[in-house]
Every structure is written in C-alpha cells, then in structure tokens.
C-alpha atoms as a PDB file:
ATOM      1  CA  MET A   1     -18.862  -3.775  22.245  1.00  0.00           C
ATOM      2  CA  GLY A   2     -20.513  -0.424  21.801  1.00  0.00           C
ATOM      3  CA  PHE A   3     -24.149   0.587  21.359  1.00  0.00           C
ATOM      4  CA  GLU A   4     -23.774   0.115  17.577  1.00  0.00           C
ATOM      5  CA  MET A   5     -24.145  -3.669  18.053  1.00  0.00           C
ATOM      6  CA  ASN A   6     -27.924  -3.166  18.416  1.00  0.00           C
ATOM      7  CA  TYR A   7     -28.092  -2.430  14.667  1.00  0.00           C
ATOM      8  CA  PHE A   8     -25.148  -4.555  13.537  1.00  0.00           C
ATOM      9  CA  ASN A   9     -27.077  -7.265  11.685  1.00  0.00           C
ATOM     10  CA  ILE A  10     -29.032  -4.780   9.559  1.00  0.00           C
ATOM     11  CA  ALA A  11     -25.958  -3.586   7.643  1.00  0.00           C
ATOM     12  CA  ASP A  12     -23.123  -5.968   8.500  1.00  0.00           C
ATOM     13  CA  GLY A  13     -24.702  -9.314   9.341  1.00  0.00           C
ATOM     14  CA  PHE A  14     -23.993 -10.986   5.993  1.00  0.00           C
ATOM     15  CA  PRO A  15     -20.343  -9.797   5.674  1.00  0.00           C
ATOM     16  CA  GLU A  16     -19.730 -11.089   9.208  1.00  0.00           C
ATOM     17  CA  ALA A  17     -21.214 -14.449   8.253  1.00  0.00           C
ATOM     18  CA  VAL A  18     -18.863 -14.532   5.246  1.00  0.00           C
ATOM     19  CA  VAL A  19     -15.881 -13.824   7.508  1.00  0.00           C
ATOM     20  CA  ARG A  20     -16.910 -16.574   9.907  1.00  0.00           C
ATOM     21  CA  GLY A  21     -17.163 -18.984   6.963  1.00  0.00           C
ATOM     22  CA  LEU A  22     -13.777 -17.950   5.588  1.00  0.00           C
ATOM     23  CA  ARG A  23     -12.182 -18.688   8.959  1.00  0.00           C
ATOM     24  CA  LYS A  24     -12.792 -22.368   8.160  1.00  0.00           C
ATOM     25  CA  SER A  25     -10.218 -22.081   5.350  1.00  0.00           C
ATOM     26  CA  PHE A  26      -7.395 -20.979   7.669  1.00  0.00           C
ATOM     27  CA  LEU A  27      -4.435 -23.353   7.753  1.00  0.00           C
ATOM     28  CA  MET A  28      -4.347 -25.399  10.934  1.00  0.00           C
ATOM     29  CA  ASP A  29      -1.340 -26.441  13.058  1.00  0.00           C
ATOM     30  CA  GLU A  30      -1.148 -29.796  11.302  1.00  0.00           C
ATOM     31  CA  HIS A  31      -0.916 -28.029   7.927  1.00  0.00           C
ATOM     32  CA  TYR A  32       1.952 -25.839   9.128  1.00  0.00           C
ATOM     33  CA  GLN A  33       3.781 -28.859  10.576  1.00  0.00           C
ATOM     34  CA  SER A  34       3.482 -30.642   7.231  1.00  0.00           C
ATOM     35  CA  LEU A  35       4.637 -27.557   5.288  1.00  0.00           C
ATOM     36  CA  LYS A  36       7.673 -27.176   7.574  1.00  0.00           C
ATOM     37  CA  GLN A  37       8.658 -30.781   6.859  1.00  0.00           C
ATOM     38  CA  ALA A  38       8.351 -30.430   3.057  1.00  0.00           C
ATOM     39  CA  SER A  39      11.694 -31.180   1.394  1.00  0.00           C
ATOM     40  CA  ASN A  40      10.984 -29.349  -1.887  1.00  0.00           C
ATOM     41  CA  LEU A  41       8.531 -26.955  -3.514  1.00  0.00           C
ATOM     42  CA  SER A  42       6.584 -29.725  -5.253  1.00  0.00           C
ATOM     43  CA  GLU A  43       5.864 -31.361  -1.906  1.00  0.00           C
ATOM     44  CA  PHE A  44       4.946 -27.944  -0.474  1.00  0.00           C
ATOM     45  CA  HIS A  45       2.529 -27.484  -3.406  1.00  0.00           C
ATOM     46  CA  LEU A  46       1.026 -30.942  -2.885  1.00  0.00           C
ATOM     47  CA  ILE A  47       0.256 -30.229   0.779  1.00  0.00           C
ATOM     48  CA  LEU A  48      -1.466 -26.933  -0.083  1.00  0.00           C
ATOM     49  CA  GLN A  49      -3.617 -28.702  -2.686  1.00  0.00           C
ATOM     50  CA  GLU A  50      -5.442 -30.432   0.177  1.00  0.00           C
ATOM     51  CA  THR A  51      -6.510 -27.055   1.618  1.00  0.00           C
ATOM     52  CA  ASP A  52      -8.837 -24.316   0.352  1.00  0.00           C
ATOM     53  CA  TYR A  53      -5.885 -22.935  -1.619  1.00  0.00           C
ATOM     54  CA  GLY A  54      -6.185 -25.968  -3.891  1.00  0.00           C
ATOM     55  CA  ALA A  55      -8.593 -24.306  -6.322  1.00  0.00           C
ATOM     56  CA  TYR A  56      -6.009 -21.575  -6.977  1.00  0.00           C
ATOM     57  CA  ILE A  57      -2.927 -23.777  -7.427  1.00  0.00           C
ATOM     58  CA  ASN A  58      -4.253 -26.993  -9.034  1.00  0.00           C
ATOM     59  CA  ASN A  59      -3.787 -25.713 -12.587  1.00  0.00           C
ATOM     60  CA  MET A  60      -0.195 -24.483 -12.188  1.00  0.00           C
ATOM     61  CA  PRO A  61       1.924 -25.371 -15.239  1.00  0.00           C
ATOM     62  CA  ASP A  62       4.647 -27.983 -14.795  1.00  0.00           C
ATOM     63  CA  PRO A  63       4.398 -28.785 -11.054  1.00  0.00           C
ATOM     64  CA  ALA A  64       7.892 -30.293 -11.273  1.00  0.00           C
ATOM     65  CA  ASN A  65       9.385 -26.838 -11.947  1.00  0.00           C
ATOM     66  CA  LEU A  66       7.285 -24.532  -9.821  1.00  0.00           C
ATOM     67  CA  ASP A  67       7.986 -20.816  -9.695  1.00  0.00           C
ATOM     68  CA  VAL A  68       7.937 -19.366  -6.168  1.00  0.00           C
ATOM     69  CA  ASN A  69       6.601 -15.983  -7.310  1.00  0.00           C
ATOM     70  CA  ASP A  70       3.802 -17.611  -9.317  1.00  0.00           C
ATOM     71  CA  LEU A  71       2.793 -19.694  -6.308  1.00  0.00           C
ATOM     72  CA  LYS A  72       2.880 -16.630  -4.065  1.00  0.00           C
ATOM     73  CA  ARG A  73       0.673 -14.651  -6.497  1.00  0.00           C
ATOM     74  CA  ARG A  74      -1.919 -17.440  -6.586  1.00  0.00           C
ATOM     75  CA  LEU A  75      -2.092 -17.625  -2.791  1.00  0.00           C
ATOM     76  CA  TYR A  76      -2.561 -13.836  -2.579  1.00  0.00           C
ATOM     77  CA  SER A  77      -5.232 -14.055  -5.299  1.00  0.00           C
ATOM     78  CA  LYS A  78      -7.404 -16.142  -2.992  1.00  0.00           C
ATOM     79  CA  LEU A  79      -7.327 -13.399  -0.350  1.00  0.00           C
ATOM     80  CA  ARG A  80      -7.985 -10.713  -2.958  1.00  0.00           C
ATOM     81  CA  ASP A  81     -11.059 -12.522  -4.311  1.00  0.00           C
ATOM     82  CA  GLU A  82     -12.425 -12.945  -0.787  1.00  0.00           C
ATOM     83  CA  ILE A  83     -11.986  -9.264   0.031  1.00  0.00           C
ATOM     84  CA  GLU A  84     -13.559  -8.231  -3.283  1.00  0.00           C
ATOM     85  CA  TYR A  85     -16.560 -10.467  -2.542  1.00  0.00           C
ATOM     86  CA  MET A  86     -16.947  -8.943   0.909  1.00  0.00           C
ATOM     87  CA  THR A  87     -16.652  -5.421  -0.524  1.00  0.00           C
ATOM     88  CA  GLY A  88     -19.342  -6.151  -3.085  1.00  0.00           C
ATOM     89  CA  ASN A  89     -21.722  -7.298  -0.337  1.00  0.00           C
ATOM     90  CA  ALA A  90     -20.943  -4.555   2.179  1.00  0.00           C
ATOM     91  CA  SER A  91     -22.847  -1.346   2.878  1.00  0.00           C
ATOM     92  CA  GLU A  92     -21.334   1.942   4.042  1.00  0.00           C
ATOM     93  CA  PRO A  93     -19.077   2.622   5.806  1.00  0.00           C
ATOM     94  CA  LEU A  94     -17.699  -0.946   5.566  1.00  0.00           C
ATOM     95  CA  SER A  95     -17.422  -0.916   1.749  1.00  0.00           C
ATOM     96  CA  THR A  96     -15.338   2.285   1.751  1.00  0.00           C
ATOM     97  CA  PHE A  97     -13.286   0.953   4.670  1.00  0.00           C
ATOM     98  CA  LEU A  98     -12.365  -2.174   2.694  1.00  0.00           C
ATOM     99  CA  GLN A  99     -11.552  -0.142  -0.417  1.00  0.00           C
ATOM    100  CA  MET A 100      -9.294   2.233   1.503  1.00  0.00           C
ATOM    101  CA  MET A 101      -7.598  -0.700   3.195  1.00  0.00           C
ATOM    102  CA  MET A 102      -6.544  -1.953  -0.251  1.00  0.00           C
ATOM    103  CA  HIS A 103      -5.181   1.440  -1.349  1.00  0.00           C
ATOM    104  CA  CYS A 104      -1.862   0.679   0.353  1.00  0.00           C
ATOM    105  CA  TYR A 105      -1.244  -2.253  -2.024  1.00  0.00           C
ATOM    106  CA  GLN A 106      -2.512  -0.284  -5.029  1.00  0.00           C
ATOM    107  CA  ILE A 107       0.002   2.485  -4.307  1.00  0.00           C
ATOM    108  CA  GLU A 108       2.837  -0.049  -4.277  1.00  0.00           C
ATOM    109  CA  ASN A 109       1.705  -1.565  -7.584  1.00  0.00           C
ATOM    110  CA  VAL A 110       1.367   1.795  -9.368  1.00  0.00           C
ATOM    111  CA  VAL A 111       4.810   3.002  -8.263  1.00  0.00           C
ATOM    112  CA  SER A 112       6.415  -0.363  -9.084  1.00  0.00           C
ATOM    113  CA  TYR A 113       4.787  -0.357 -12.521  1.00  0.00           C
ATOM    114  CA  ILE A 114       6.001   3.163 -13.314  1.00  0.00           C
ATOM    115  CA  SER A 115       9.481   2.352 -12.021  1.00  0.00           C
ATOM    116  CA  GLY A 116       9.640  -0.852 -14.083  1.00  0.00           C
ATOM    117  CA  VAL A 117       8.657   0.905 -17.318  1.00  0.00           C
ATOM    118  CA  LYS A 118      11.136   3.745 -16.773  1.00  0.00           C
ATOM    119  CA  THR A 119      13.976   1.233 -16.246  1.00  0.00           C
ATOM    120  CA  ASN A 120      12.939  -0.685 -19.412  1.00  0.00           C
ATOM    121  CA  LEU A 121      11.992  -3.800 -17.478  1.00  0.00           C
ATOM    122  CA  ASN A 122      10.162  -6.469 -19.472  1.00  0.00           C
ATOM    123  CA  GLU A 123       6.390  -5.959 -19.155  1.00  0.00           C
ATOM    124  CA  ALA A 124       5.821  -9.627 -18.332  1.00  0.00           C
ATOM    125  CA  ILE A 125       8.280  -9.338 -15.424  1.00  0.00           C
ATOM    126  CA  ILE A 126       6.572  -6.142 -14.228  1.00  0.00           C
ATOM    127  CA  LYS A 127       3.144  -7.755 -14.204  1.00  0.00           C
ATOM    128  CA  ALA A 128       4.478 -10.895 -12.494  1.00  0.00           C
ATOM    129  CA  SER A 129       5.866  -8.742  -9.680  1.00  0.00           C
ATOM    130  CA  MET A 130       2.508  -7.062  -8.994  1.00  0.00           C
ATOM    131  CA  ASN A 131       0.808  -7.907  -5.703  1.00  0.00           C
ATOM    132  CA  PRO A 132      -2.686  -9.303  -6.477  1.00  0.00           C
ATOM    133  CA  LEU A 133      -4.018  -7.396  -3.463  1.00  0.00           C
ATOM    134  CA  GLY A 134      -3.165  -4.157  -5.270  1.00  0.00           C
ATOM    135  CA  GLU A 135      -4.522  -5.038  -8.708  1.00  0.00           C
ATOM    136  CA  PHE A 136      -7.413  -2.979 -10.046  1.00  0.00           C
ATOM    137  CA  GLN A 137      -8.877  -2.214 -13.447  1.00  0.00           C
ATOM    138  CA  GLY A 138      -7.316   1.242 -13.805  1.00  0.00           C
ATOM    139  CA  LEU A 139      -3.806  -0.159 -13.396  1.00  0.00           C
ATOM    140  CA  LYS A 140      -3.774  -1.253 -17.061  1.00  0.00           C
ATOM    141  CA  SER A 141      -4.204   2.346 -18.222  1.00  0.00           C
ATOM    142  CA  VAL A 142      -0.933   3.335 -16.535  1.00  0.00           C
ATOM    143  CA  SER A 143       1.077   1.383 -19.130  1.00  0.00           C
ATOM    144  CA  SER A 144       0.322   3.827 -21.972  1.00  0.00           C
ATOM    145  CA  PHE A 145       1.714   6.823 -20.040  1.00  0.00           C
ATOM    146  CA  ALA A 146       4.182   5.169 -17.640  1.00  0.00           C
ATOM    147  CA  SER A 147       7.228   6.363 -19.602  1.00  0.00           C
ATOM    148  CA  GLU A 148       6.002   9.975 -19.570  1.00  0.00           C
ATOM    149  CA  ASP A 149       6.957  12.731 -17.160  1.00  0.00           C
ATOM    150  CA  PHE A 150       5.487  12.053 -13.687  1.00  0.00           C
ATOM    151  CA  VAL A 151       3.361  15.227 -13.684  1.00  0.00           C
ATOM    152  CA  VAL A 152       1.967  14.400 -17.142  1.00  0.00           C
ATOM    153  CA  LEU A 153       1.252  10.863 -15.932  1.00  0.00           C
ATOM    154  CA  PHE A 154      -0.658  12.274 -12.970  1.00  0.00           C
ATOM    155  CA  GLN A 155      -2.671  14.705 -15.124  1.00  0.00           C
ATOM    156  CA  GLU A 156      -3.589  12.054 -17.693  1.00  0.00           C
ATOM    157  CA  ILE A 157      -4.017   8.871 -15.654  1.00  0.00           C
ATOM    158  CA  LEU A 158      -3.272   8.912 -11.918  1.00  0.00           C
ATOM    159  CA  ILE A 159      -5.777  11.637 -11.078  1.00  0.00           C
ATOM    160  CA  ASP A 160      -8.635   9.295 -12.057  1.00  0.00           C
ATOM    161  CA  LEU A 161      -7.368   6.248 -10.176  1.00  0.00           C
ATOM    162  CA  PRO A 162      -8.639   5.207  -6.716  1.00  0.00           C
ATOM    163  CA  VAL A 163      -5.244   6.255  -5.319  1.00  0.00           C
ATOM    164  CA  GLY A 164      -5.131   9.519  -7.291  1.00  0.00           C
ATOM    165  CA  GLU A 165      -5.745  11.624  -4.187  1.00  0.00           C
ATOM    166  CA  TYR A 166      -2.527  10.381  -2.573  1.00  0.00           C
ATOM    167  CA  PHE A 167      -0.477  11.219  -5.663  1.00  0.00           C
ATOM    168  CA  ARG A 168      -2.057  14.687  -5.753  1.00  0.00           C
ATOM    169  CA  LYS A 169      -1.083  15.342  -2.140  1.00  0.00           C
ATOM    170  CA  PHE A 170       2.427  14.058  -2.879  1.00  0.00           C
ATOM    171  CA  ILE A 171       2.822  16.522  -5.769  1.00  0.00           C
ATOM    172  CA  ASP A 172       1.361  19.302  -3.598  1.00  0.00           C
ATOM    173  CA  SER A 173       4.052  18.606  -0.989  1.00  0.00           C
ATOM    174  CA  ILE A 174       6.733  18.798  -3.692  1.00  0.00           C
ATOM    175  CA  ILE A 175       5.371  22.161  -4.887  1.00  0.00           C
ATOM    176  CA  GLU A 176       5.266  23.445  -1.310  1.00  0.00           C
ATOM    177  CA  ASN A 177       8.852  22.305  -0.748  1.00  0.00           C
ATOM    178  CA  ILE A 178      10.027  24.124  -3.874  1.00  0.00           C
ATOM    179  CA  GLY A 179       8.308  27.272  -2.654  1.00  0.00           C
ATOM    180  CA  GLN A 180      10.019  27.051   0.731  1.00  0.00           C
ATOM    181  CA  ASN A 181      13.427  26.533  -0.868  1.00  0.00           C
ATOM    182  CA  GLU A 182      13.024  29.491  -3.213  1.00  0.00           C
ATOM    183  CA  GLY A 183      11.173  31.770  -0.810  1.00  0.00           C
ATOM    184  CA  ARG A 184       8.052  31.820  -2.973  1.00  0.00           C
ATOM    185  CA  GLU A 185       4.530  30.542  -2.481  1.00  0.00           C
ATOM    186  CA  GLY A 186       4.245  26.850  -3.381  1.00  0.00           C
ATOM    187  CA  GLY A 187       6.848  26.691  -6.169  1.00  0.00           C
ATOM    188  CA  GLU A 188       5.366  29.557  -8.195  1.00  0.00           C
ATOM    189  CA  ASN A 189       7.517  31.371 -10.723  1.00  0.00           C
ATOM    190  CA  LYS A 190       7.665  35.135 -11.103  1.00  0.00           C
ATOM    191  CA  ASP A 191       4.391  35.117 -13.022  1.00  0.00           C
ATOM    192  CA  GLY A 192       2.649  33.378 -10.128  1.00  0.00           C
ATOM    193  CA  ARG A 193       2.400  30.051 -11.989  1.00  0.00           C
ATOM    194  CA  VAL A 194       3.748  26.687 -10.924  1.00  0.00           C
ATOM    195  CA  ASN A 195       6.905  25.695 -12.760  1.00  0.00           C
ATOM    196  CA  ILE A 196       6.115  22.134 -13.888  1.00  0.00           C
ATOM    197  CA  GLU A 197       9.721  21.460 -14.918  1.00  0.00           C
ATOM    198  CA  ASP A 198      10.940  22.162 -11.386  1.00  0.00           C
ATOM    199  CA  VAL A 199       8.295  19.849  -9.940  1.00  0.00           C
ATOM    200  CA  SER A 200       9.203  17.026 -12.352  1.00  0.00           C
ATOM    201  CA  GLN A 201      12.907  17.474 -11.702  1.00  0.00           C
ATOM    202  CA  MET A 202      12.449  17.263  -7.929  1.00  0.00           C
ATOM    203  CA  ILE A 203      10.251  14.157  -8.231  1.00  0.00           C
ATOM    204  CA  ASP A 204      12.903  12.489 -10.405  1.00  0.00           C
ATOM    205  CA  GLN A 205      15.378  12.973  -7.562  1.00  0.00           C
ATOM    206  CA  HIS A 206      13.334  10.541  -5.449  1.00  0.00           C
ATOM    207  CA  SER A 207      13.742   6.789  -5.845  1.00  0.00           C
ATOM    208  CA  SER A 208      10.663   4.607  -6.261  1.00  0.00           C
ATOM    209  CA  SER A 209      11.081   3.317  -2.693  1.00  0.00           C
ATOM    210  CA  GLU A 210      11.165   6.906  -1.358  1.00  0.00           C
ATOM    211  CA  ILE A 211       8.015   7.785  -3.308  1.00  0.00           C
ATOM    212  CA  LYS A 212       6.297   4.702  -1.864  1.00  0.00           C
ATOM    213  CA  VAL A 213       7.211   5.821   1.664  1.00  0.00           C
ATOM    214  CA  PHE A 214       5.806   9.312   1.051  1.00  0.00           C
ATOM    215  CA  LEU A 215       2.584   7.957  -0.450  1.00  0.00           C
ATOM    216  CA  LYS A 216       2.102   5.387   2.308  1.00  0.00           C
ATOM    217  CA  LYS A 217       2.568   8.152   4.869  1.00  0.00           C
ATOM    218  CA  ILE A 218      -0.217  10.141   3.186  1.00  0.00           C
ATOM    219  CA  TRP A 219      -2.430   7.032   3.016  1.00  0.00           C
ATOM    220  CA  LEU A 220      -1.958   6.191   6.702  1.00  0.00           C
ATOM    221  CA  ILE A 221      -2.925   9.681   7.862  1.00  0.00           C
ATOM    222  CA  HIS A 222      -5.874   9.864   5.441  1.00  0.00           C
ATOM    223  CA  PHE A 223      -7.147   6.400   6.414  1.00  0.00           C
ATOM    224  CA  HIS A 224      -6.844   7.171  10.146  1.00  0.00           C
ATOM    225  CA  ARG A 225      -8.706  10.473   9.834  1.00  0.00           C
ATOM    226  CA  TRP A 226     -11.457   8.877   7.746  1.00  0.00           C
ATOM    227  CA  ILE A 227     -11.992   6.126  10.331  1.00  0.00           C
ATOM    228  CA  MET A 228     -12.168   8.637  13.188  1.00  0.00           C
ATOM    229  CA  ALA A 229     -14.766  10.672  11.266  1.00  0.00           C
ATOM    230  CA  ASN A 230     -16.941   7.875   9.820  1.00  0.00           C
ATOM    231  CA  CYS A 231     -16.726   4.675  11.874  1.00  0.00           C
ATOM    232  CA  ASN A 232     -18.201   3.527  15.165  1.00  0.00           C
ATOM    233  CA  GLU A 233     -16.335   3.610  18.472  1.00  0.00           C
ATOM    234  CA  THR A 234     -15.354  -0.061  18.382  1.00  0.00           C
ATOM    235  CA  THR A 235     -13.764   0.287  14.939  1.00  0.00           C
ATOM    236  CA  GLN A 236     -12.080   3.526  15.954  1.00  0.00           C
ATOM    237  CA  ALA A 237     -10.507   1.935  19.039  1.00  0.00           C
ATOM    238  CA  VAL A 238      -9.205  -1.143  17.202  1.00  0.00           C
ATOM    239  CA  MET A 239      -7.991   0.629  14.050  1.00  0.00           C
ATOM    240  CA  ASP A 240      -6.383   3.467  16.001  1.00  0.00           C
ATOM    241  CA  GLU A 241      -4.049   0.913  17.626  1.00  0.00           C
ATOM    242  CA  LEU A 242      -3.381  -0.955  14.369  1.00  0.00           C
ATOM    243  CA  LEU A 243      -2.581   2.134  12.289  1.00  0.00           C
ATOM    244  CA  LYS A 244      -0.424   3.650  15.017  1.00  0.00           C
ATOM    245  CA  ALA A 245       1.555   0.417  15.184  1.00  0.00           C
ATOM    246  CA  GLU A 246       1.932   0.445  11.377  1.00  0.00           C
ATOM    247  CA  SER A 247       3.086   4.059  11.500  1.00  0.00           C
ATOM    248  CA  ASP A 248       5.637   3.268  14.232  1.00  0.00           C
ATOM    249  CA  TRP A 249       6.987   0.372  12.191  1.00  0.00           C
ATOM    250  CA  GLU A 250       7.408   2.654   9.167  1.00  0.00           C
ATOM    251  CA  THR A 251       9.337   5.171  11.290  1.00  0.00           C
ATOM    252  CA  ILE A 252      11.670   2.501  12.680  1.00  0.00           C
ATOM    253  CA  GLN A 253      12.238   1.070   9.204  1.00  0.00           C
ATOM    254  CA  ILE A 254      13.044   4.505   7.741  1.00  0.00           C
ATOM    255  CA  ILE A 255      15.644   5.141  10.452  1.00  0.00           C
ATOM    256  CA  TYR A 256      17.148   1.672  10.121  1.00  0.00           C
ATOM    257  CA  ASN A 257      17.403   1.914   6.314  1.00  0.00           C
ATOM    258  CA  SER A 258      19.203   5.271   6.601  1.00  0.00           C
ATOM    259  CA  PHE A 259      22.067   3.867   8.720  1.00  0.00           C
ATOM    260  CA  ASN A 260      24.089   2.961   5.628  1.00  0.00           C
ATOM    261  CA  ARG A 261      23.719   6.455   4.149  1.00  0.00           C
ATOM    262  CA  PRO A 262      26.419   8.771   5.579  1.00  0.00           C
ATOM    263  CA  GLU A 263      24.636  11.885   4.338  1.00  0.00           C
ATOM    264  CA  MET A 264      21.826  11.160   6.815  1.00  0.00           C
ATOM    265  CA  SER A 265      24.082  11.487   9.864  1.00  0.00           C
ATOM    266  CA  ASN A 266      24.395  15.281   9.852  1.00  0.00           C
ATOM    267  CA  ALA A 267      21.765  17.906  10.779  1.00  0.00           C
ATOM    268  CA  ARG A 268      20.622  18.336   7.170  1.00  0.00           C
ATOM    269  CA  GLY A 269      20.214  14.580   6.793  1.00  0.00           C
ATOM    270  CA  GLN A 270      18.178  14.355   9.984  1.00  0.00           C
ATOM    271  CA  SER A 271      15.936  17.158   8.751  1.00  0.00           C
ATOM    272  CA  LEU A 272      15.431  15.319   5.457  1.00  0.00           C
ATOM    273  CA  ARG A 273      14.725  12.024   7.211  1.00  0.00           C
ATOM    274  CA  GLU A 274      12.152  13.688   9.433  1.00  0.00           C
ATOM    275  CA  LYS A 275      10.021  14.518   6.374  1.00  0.00           C
ATOM    276  CA  TYR A 276       9.363  10.814   5.916  1.00  0.00           C
ATOM    277  CA  PHE A 277       8.016  10.353   9.453  1.00  0.00           C
ATOM    278  CA  ASN A 278       4.304  10.210  10.229  1.00  0.00           C
ATOM    279  CA  ASN A 279       2.745  12.534  12.776  1.00  0.00           C
ATOM    280  CA  LEU A 280       0.875   9.466  14.008  1.00  0.00           C
ATOM    281  CA  GLY A 281       1.797   6.600  16.279  1.00  0.00           C
ATOM    282  CA  HIS A 282       2.923   5.714  19.795  1.00  0.00           C
ATOM    283  CA  LEU A 283       6.439   6.965  19.036  1.00  0.00           C
ATOM    284  CA  TYR A 284       5.258  10.413  17.893  1.00  0.00           C
ATOM    285  CA  PRO A 285       6.445  13.006  18.768  1.00  0.00           C
ATOM    286  CA  ASP A 286       8.902  12.554  21.682  1.00  0.00           C
ATOM    287  CA  ARG A 287      10.367   9.162  20.830  1.00  0.00           C
ATOM    288  CA  THR A 288      10.458   9.961  17.111  1.00  0.00           C
ATOM    289  CA  ASN A 289      12.665  12.994  17.806  1.00  0.00           C
ATOM    290  CA  LYS A 290      14.996  10.957  20.017  1.00  0.00           C
ATOM    291  CA  LEU A 291      15.229   8.172  17.429  1.00  0.00           C
ATOM    292  CA  ASN A 292      16.002  10.714  14.722  1.00  0.00           C
END
C-alpha cells in the first residue's frame, strides 16, 4: 500500500466498512453446489431465497412460471442498489470513480433503448431488456426523442445525460471522418458549416452494436486518463491492469466477430476494423497490428 493509507479512514473508512459487510452476502461454495444440482428454475429460485438475494426475489409473480430475464434483472438490482448506496456515502475521488464505472452500462442501455424504439420494439420489452446497472433517471427522457434523428436526439437529450460526453466525442469523430473523406476540415460544407445531414447519414450506417463498441472505446480511454490524473498510486496500479485487460478483450472480440464478414479481409476492411481498436492495453500497438 502507498503513503495514502495514512489518511484512508478520513475519507474512505465508511465505504470500506460497507464493502467488508457486503462480502458477507457473497454466495459460498455450498450455495453454488446446490444451484448446480437444481433440476428446474423454481428450485434454483428457492435456493437463492435462502441467501441475501431473497429480499429481491421473494415477491416474484407466479414462482411456478419464472422468467429468466426477470430473475436476472432482480439479481442485478441488488448489486445496483449496493453501488448506489456506496456512491451516496463516498467522498471524492471515490464518488466520481464509482459513477464513471457505471457509465459503461449506461451507454449500453441508452443505445439499446434508441435501437429498440427505431425498430418499433414494444416498450415493455425494451425496458425489460435494460441492465439495472445502467439505469438512471435521465434514461426515461430518451423515450420522447428516441425515434428522432440521432443528432437531434443528442442536441435535445443526450448532451445532458451523464454519458453525454461520450456521445459528443462519437459525433466529433464522425464529423472528423467526413472531413477526411471529403478533404475538408471536420465535415464542413463550402460555407464552413457542418452538414448535419451528412453526419446523420453516416451514423445511420452504423449498427447499434458498432455504436456501442465506439462509445465503450471512448469510455475506456476517458476512464483510464481520469484515474491516472485523479487517483492515488495504488488505485492507478490496480485499475491500469484491469482497464488494459478490458481493452485487450474488446480488441480480440472485435477481430473474432469480423471473421464472418468477407469485406473485412481486404486492406480497406482492416483499416476500418482498426478504427474500433483502443490505443490502450497490453496488446497495443505491436500485437494489435499483427492480430489485425
């Protein structure tokens, strides 16, 4: 531990005590053995009722016909409530750290919500698919503009959300890409103004999964830089390894998912795929280039 431990209890003593208490709710080996031997979902549910998850699953409707997704949401809700409690009792920089940690899940929920509305998916199904870890109050406001053009949605709603900064940087990268393709500065037209129609059209060419990858890339870099600028040496050392590992996993997954797309096998496809990679991780840059 670093020198910062001399002052640890002043700011972080209570959150650490909360974490130590929450460790008591972890499932033990005997719980996992019982869950593995469950013959149906009702039995699985009954075993979990005897743990700290019980308060979240006791009131499930019709235990005889349990829904897997509903059960999964309730189990995630327990973790979300615990993190929210810790965030509310944390001082800086821990409170911001916890908030930024949750931005990854919030990004996924926002993009999934927009994608669901644009494909005319039932709103109840959309909400049921949301990860509780990524739920936040501003997510409800997305529904009124979700069917609008992406740029309009950003200007009206996304810009004010906790994850608005990542969407702004994503749009900035689209504008820059348009400018490079047309030989102009940042997608500007002849009058020196950004052509919103071109930006919207290029965004529409990306699938929701591709947009998620871009946004998560931005989040990873932003989160890593913030930690290196604001956190103590112990946190920096631990989180540097964790985020680099996460970045490496994203790179490997991007390459693997592109194997069934023939257009990715040529030089142009490799150049396109490279835009999804993070300039962060143990693979970057030498191994990333070889993998590509």
